[in-house]
Amino acid sequence: MEVISLFHSAVYTGLLICAFVLDGPQPYTFILGLTHGIIWIGMSITSIIAVHYRVINLRLALAIALLGCIAPFFGSIEFLRQGRQRRLAGAEAVPS
């Protein structure tokens, strides 16, 4: 999910550039917008299932599902933040 979230952020960045910087060239803006929508729907459904099976926590699921339609960067940032916290916790648990 983390890799897809980062890819989603890249697609969304491309959509923003096409829509606002390049003045909405078609069909690129349409393709990027459609891709963003499909990925967001898929990530939202997957995050709901992942919370149910306790693969991810509710905070991450909310960042993906609620904030992801506006800007998927929230979910990507939350994935990176939680991954960093897990690595730090794992490093502290290893005896020296």
C-alpha atoms as a PDB file:
ATOM      1  CA  MET A   1       0.000   0.000   0.000  1.00  0.00           C
ATOM      2  CA  GLU A   2       2.868   2.359   0.745  1.00  0.00           C
ATOM      3  CA  VAL A   3       4.294   2.064  -2.772  1.00  0.00           C
ATOM      4  CA  ILE A   4       0.862   2.616  -4.321  1.00  0.00           C
ATOM      5  CA  SER A   5       0.341   5.632  -2.078  1.00  0.00           C
ATOM      6  CA  LEU A   6       3.626   7.152  -3.216  1.00  0.00           C
ATOM      7  CA  PHE A   7       2.697   6.408  -6.847  1.00  0.00           C
ATOM      8  CA  HIS A   8      -0.687   8.041  -6.242  1.00  0.00           C
ATOM      9  CA  SER A   9       1.083  11.168  -4.973  1.00  0.00           C
ATOM     10  CA  ALA A  10       3.192  11.225  -8.157  1.00  0.00           C
ATOM     11  CA  VAL A  11       0.074  10.867 -10.347  1.00  0.00           C
ATOM     12  CA  TYR A  12      -1.640  13.657  -8.422  1.00  0.00           C
ATOM     13  CA  THR A  13       1.406  15.905  -8.792  1.00  0.00           C
ATOM     14  CA  GLY A  14       1.290  15.285 -12.539  1.00  0.00           C
ATOM     15  CA  LEU A  15      -2.422  16.108 -12.547  1.00  0.00           C
ATOM     16  CA  LEU A  16      -1.822  19.393 -10.732  1.00  0.00           C
ATOM     17  CA  ILE A  17       0.940  20.334 -13.157  1.00  0.00           C
ATOM     18  CA  CYS A  18      -1.207  19.465 -16.192  1.00  0.00           C
ATOM     19  CA  ALA A  19      -4.304  21.208 -14.883  1.00  0.00           C
ATOM     20  CA  PHE A  20      -2.782  24.415 -13.550  1.00  0.00           C
ATOM     21  CA  VAL A  21       0.685  24.929 -15.003  1.00  0.00           C
ATOM     22  CA  LEU A  22       0.110  23.546 -18.499  1.00  0.00           C
ATOM     23  CA  ASP A  23      -3.487  24.823 -18.763  1.00  0.00           C
ATOM     24  CA  GLY A  24      -5.202  21.419 -18.908  1.00  0.00           C
ATOM     25  CA  PRO A  25      -3.915  19.691 -22.056  1.00  0.00           C
ATOM     26  CA  GLN A  26      -6.212  16.854 -23.091  1.00  0.00           C
ATOM     27  CA  PRO A  27      -6.154  13.835 -22.913  1.00  0.00           C
ATOM     28  CA  TYR A  28      -3.355  13.964 -20.315  1.00  0.00           C
ATOM     29  CA  THR A  29      -5.390  15.835 -17.721  1.00  0.00           C
ATOM     30  CA  PHE A  30      -8.298  13.428 -18.178  1.00  0.00           C
ATOM     31  CA  ILE A  31      -6.078  10.336 -17.916  1.00  0.00           C
ATOM     32  CA  LEU A  32      -4.294  11.620 -14.805  1.00  0.00           C
ATOM     33  CA  GLY A  33      -7.595  12.672 -13.210  1.00  0.00           C
ATOM     34  CA  LEU A  34      -9.189   9.310 -13.918  1.00  0.00           C
ATOM     35  CA  THR A  35      -6.120   7.485 -12.621  1.00  0.00           C
ATOM     36  CA  HIS A  36      -6.172   9.586  -9.432  1.00  0.00           C
ATOM     37  CA  GLY A  37      -9.854   8.772  -8.879  1.00  0.00           C
ATOM     38  CA  ILE A  38      -9.481   5.050  -9.465  1.00  0.00           C
ATOM     39  CA  ILE A  39      -6.405   4.781  -7.241  1.00  0.00           C
ATOM     40  CA  TRP A  40      -8.134   6.788  -4.494  1.00  0.00           C
ATOM     41  CA  ILE A  41     -11.213   4.549  -4.571  1.00  0.00           C
ATOM     42  CA  GLY A  42      -9.036   1.421  -4.508  1.00  0.00           C
ATOM     43  CA  MET A  43      -6.865   2.743  -1.693  1.00  0.00           C
ATOM     44  CA  SER A  44      -9.945   3.745   0.322  1.00  0.00           C
ATOM     45  CA  ILE A  45     -11.526   0.297   0.032  1.00  0.00           C
ATOM     46  CA  THR A  46      -8.210  -1.403   0.770  1.00  0.00           C
ATOM     47  CA  SER A  47      -7.577   0.797   3.809  1.00  0.00           C
ATOM     48  CA  ILE A  48     -11.018  -0.019   5.246  1.00  0.00           C
ATOM     49  CA  ILE A  49     -10.282  -3.733   4.884  1.00  0.00           C
ATOM     50  CA  ALA A  50      -6.755  -3.266   6.277  1.00  0.00           C
ATOM     51  CA  VAL A  51      -8.105  -1.513   9.390  1.00  0.00           C
ATOM     52  CA  HIS A  52     -10.585  -4.330   9.901  1.00  0.00           C
ATOM     53  CA  TYR A  53      -7.730  -6.883   9.838  1.00  0.00           C
ATOM     54  CA  ARG A  54      -5.472  -4.562  11.875  1.00  0.00           C
ATOM     55  CA  VAL A  55      -2.827  -4.252   9.192  1.00  0.00           C
ATOM     56  CA  ILE A  56      -2.886  -0.449   9.447  1.00  0.00           C
ATOM     57  CA  ASN A  57      -4.260   1.840  12.137  1.00  0.00           C
ATOM     58  CA  LEU A  58      -7.309   4.070  11.896  1.00  0.00           C
ATOM     59  CA  ARG A  59      -5.242   7.271  11.653  1.00  0.00           C
ATOM     60  CA  LEU A  60      -3.548   6.042   8.486  1.00  0.00           C
ATOM     61  CA  ALA A  61      -6.852   4.826   7.016  1.00  0.00           C
ATOM     62  CA  LEU A  62      -8.438   8.227   7.636  1.00  0.00           C
ATOM     63  CA  ALA A  63      -5.479   9.973   6.021  1.00  0.00           C
ATOM     64  CA  ILE A  64      -5.905   7.750   2.952  1.00  0.00           C
ATOM     65  CA  ALA A  65      -9.687   7.695   2.654  1.00  0.00           C
ATOM     66  CA  LEU A  66     -10.765  11.157   3.804  1.00  0.00           C
ATOM     67  CA  LEU A  67      -7.826  13.328   2.874  1.00  0.00           C
ATOM     68  CA  GLY A  68      -6.676  11.289  -0.132  1.00  0.00           C
ATOM     69  CA  CYS A  69      -9.344  12.665  -2.439  1.00  0.00           C
ATOM     70  CA  ILE A  70      -8.123  16.212  -1.807  1.00  0.00           C
ATOM     71  CA  ALA A  71      -4.423  15.464  -1.733  1.00  0.00           C
ATOM     72  CA  PRO A  72      -2.930  11.969  -1.515  1.00  0.00           C
ATOM     73  CA  PHE A  73       0.195  13.458   0.029  1.00  0.00           C
ATOM     74  CA  PHE A  74      -1.405  13.076   3.479  1.00  0.00           C
ATOM     75  CA  GLY A  75      -1.520   9.285   3.150  1.00  0.00           C
ATOM     76  CA  SER A  76       2.012   9.106   1.750  1.00  0.00           C
ATOM     77  CA  ILE A  77       3.365  11.279   4.551  1.00  0.00           C
ATOM     78  CA  GLU A  78       1.548   9.183   7.145  1.00  0.00           C
ATOM     79  CA  PHE A  79       2.960   5.950   5.656  1.00  0.00           C
ATOM     80  CA  LEU A  80       6.469   7.393   5.804  1.00  0.00           C
ATOM     81  CA  ARG A  81       5.975   8.724   9.346  1.00  0.00           C
ATOM     82  CA  GLN A  82       4.672   5.422  10.683  1.00  0.00           C
ATOM     83  CA  GLY A  83       7.393   3.462   8.880  1.00  0.00           C
ATOM     84  CA  ARG A  84      10.022   5.664  10.492  1.00  0.00           C
ATOM     85  CA  GLN A  85       8.434   5.141  13.908  1.00  0.00           C
ATOM     86  CA  ARG A  86       8.455   1.350  13.397  1.00  0.00           C
ATOM     87  CA  ARG A  87      12.126   1.420  12.379  1.00  0.00           C
ATOM     88  CA  LEU A  88      13.042   3.501  15.427  1.00  0.00           C
ATOM     89  CA  ALA A  89      11.062   1.203  17.733  1.00  0.00           C
ATOM     90  CA  GLY A  90      12.742  -1.834  16.165  1.00  0.00           C
ATOM     91  CA  ALA A  91      16.187  -0.291  16.584  1.00  0.00           C
ATOM     92  CA  GLU A  92      15.513   0.408  20.256  1.00  0.00           C
ATOM     93  CA  ALA A  93      14.311  -3.160  20.839  1.00  0.00           C
ATOM     94  CA  VAL A  94      17.521  -4.711  19.485  1.00  0.00           C
ATOM     95  CA  PRO A  95      19.976  -5.302  22.352  1.00  0.00           C
ATOM     96  CA  SER A  96      23.404  -3.744  21.876  1.00  0.00           C
END
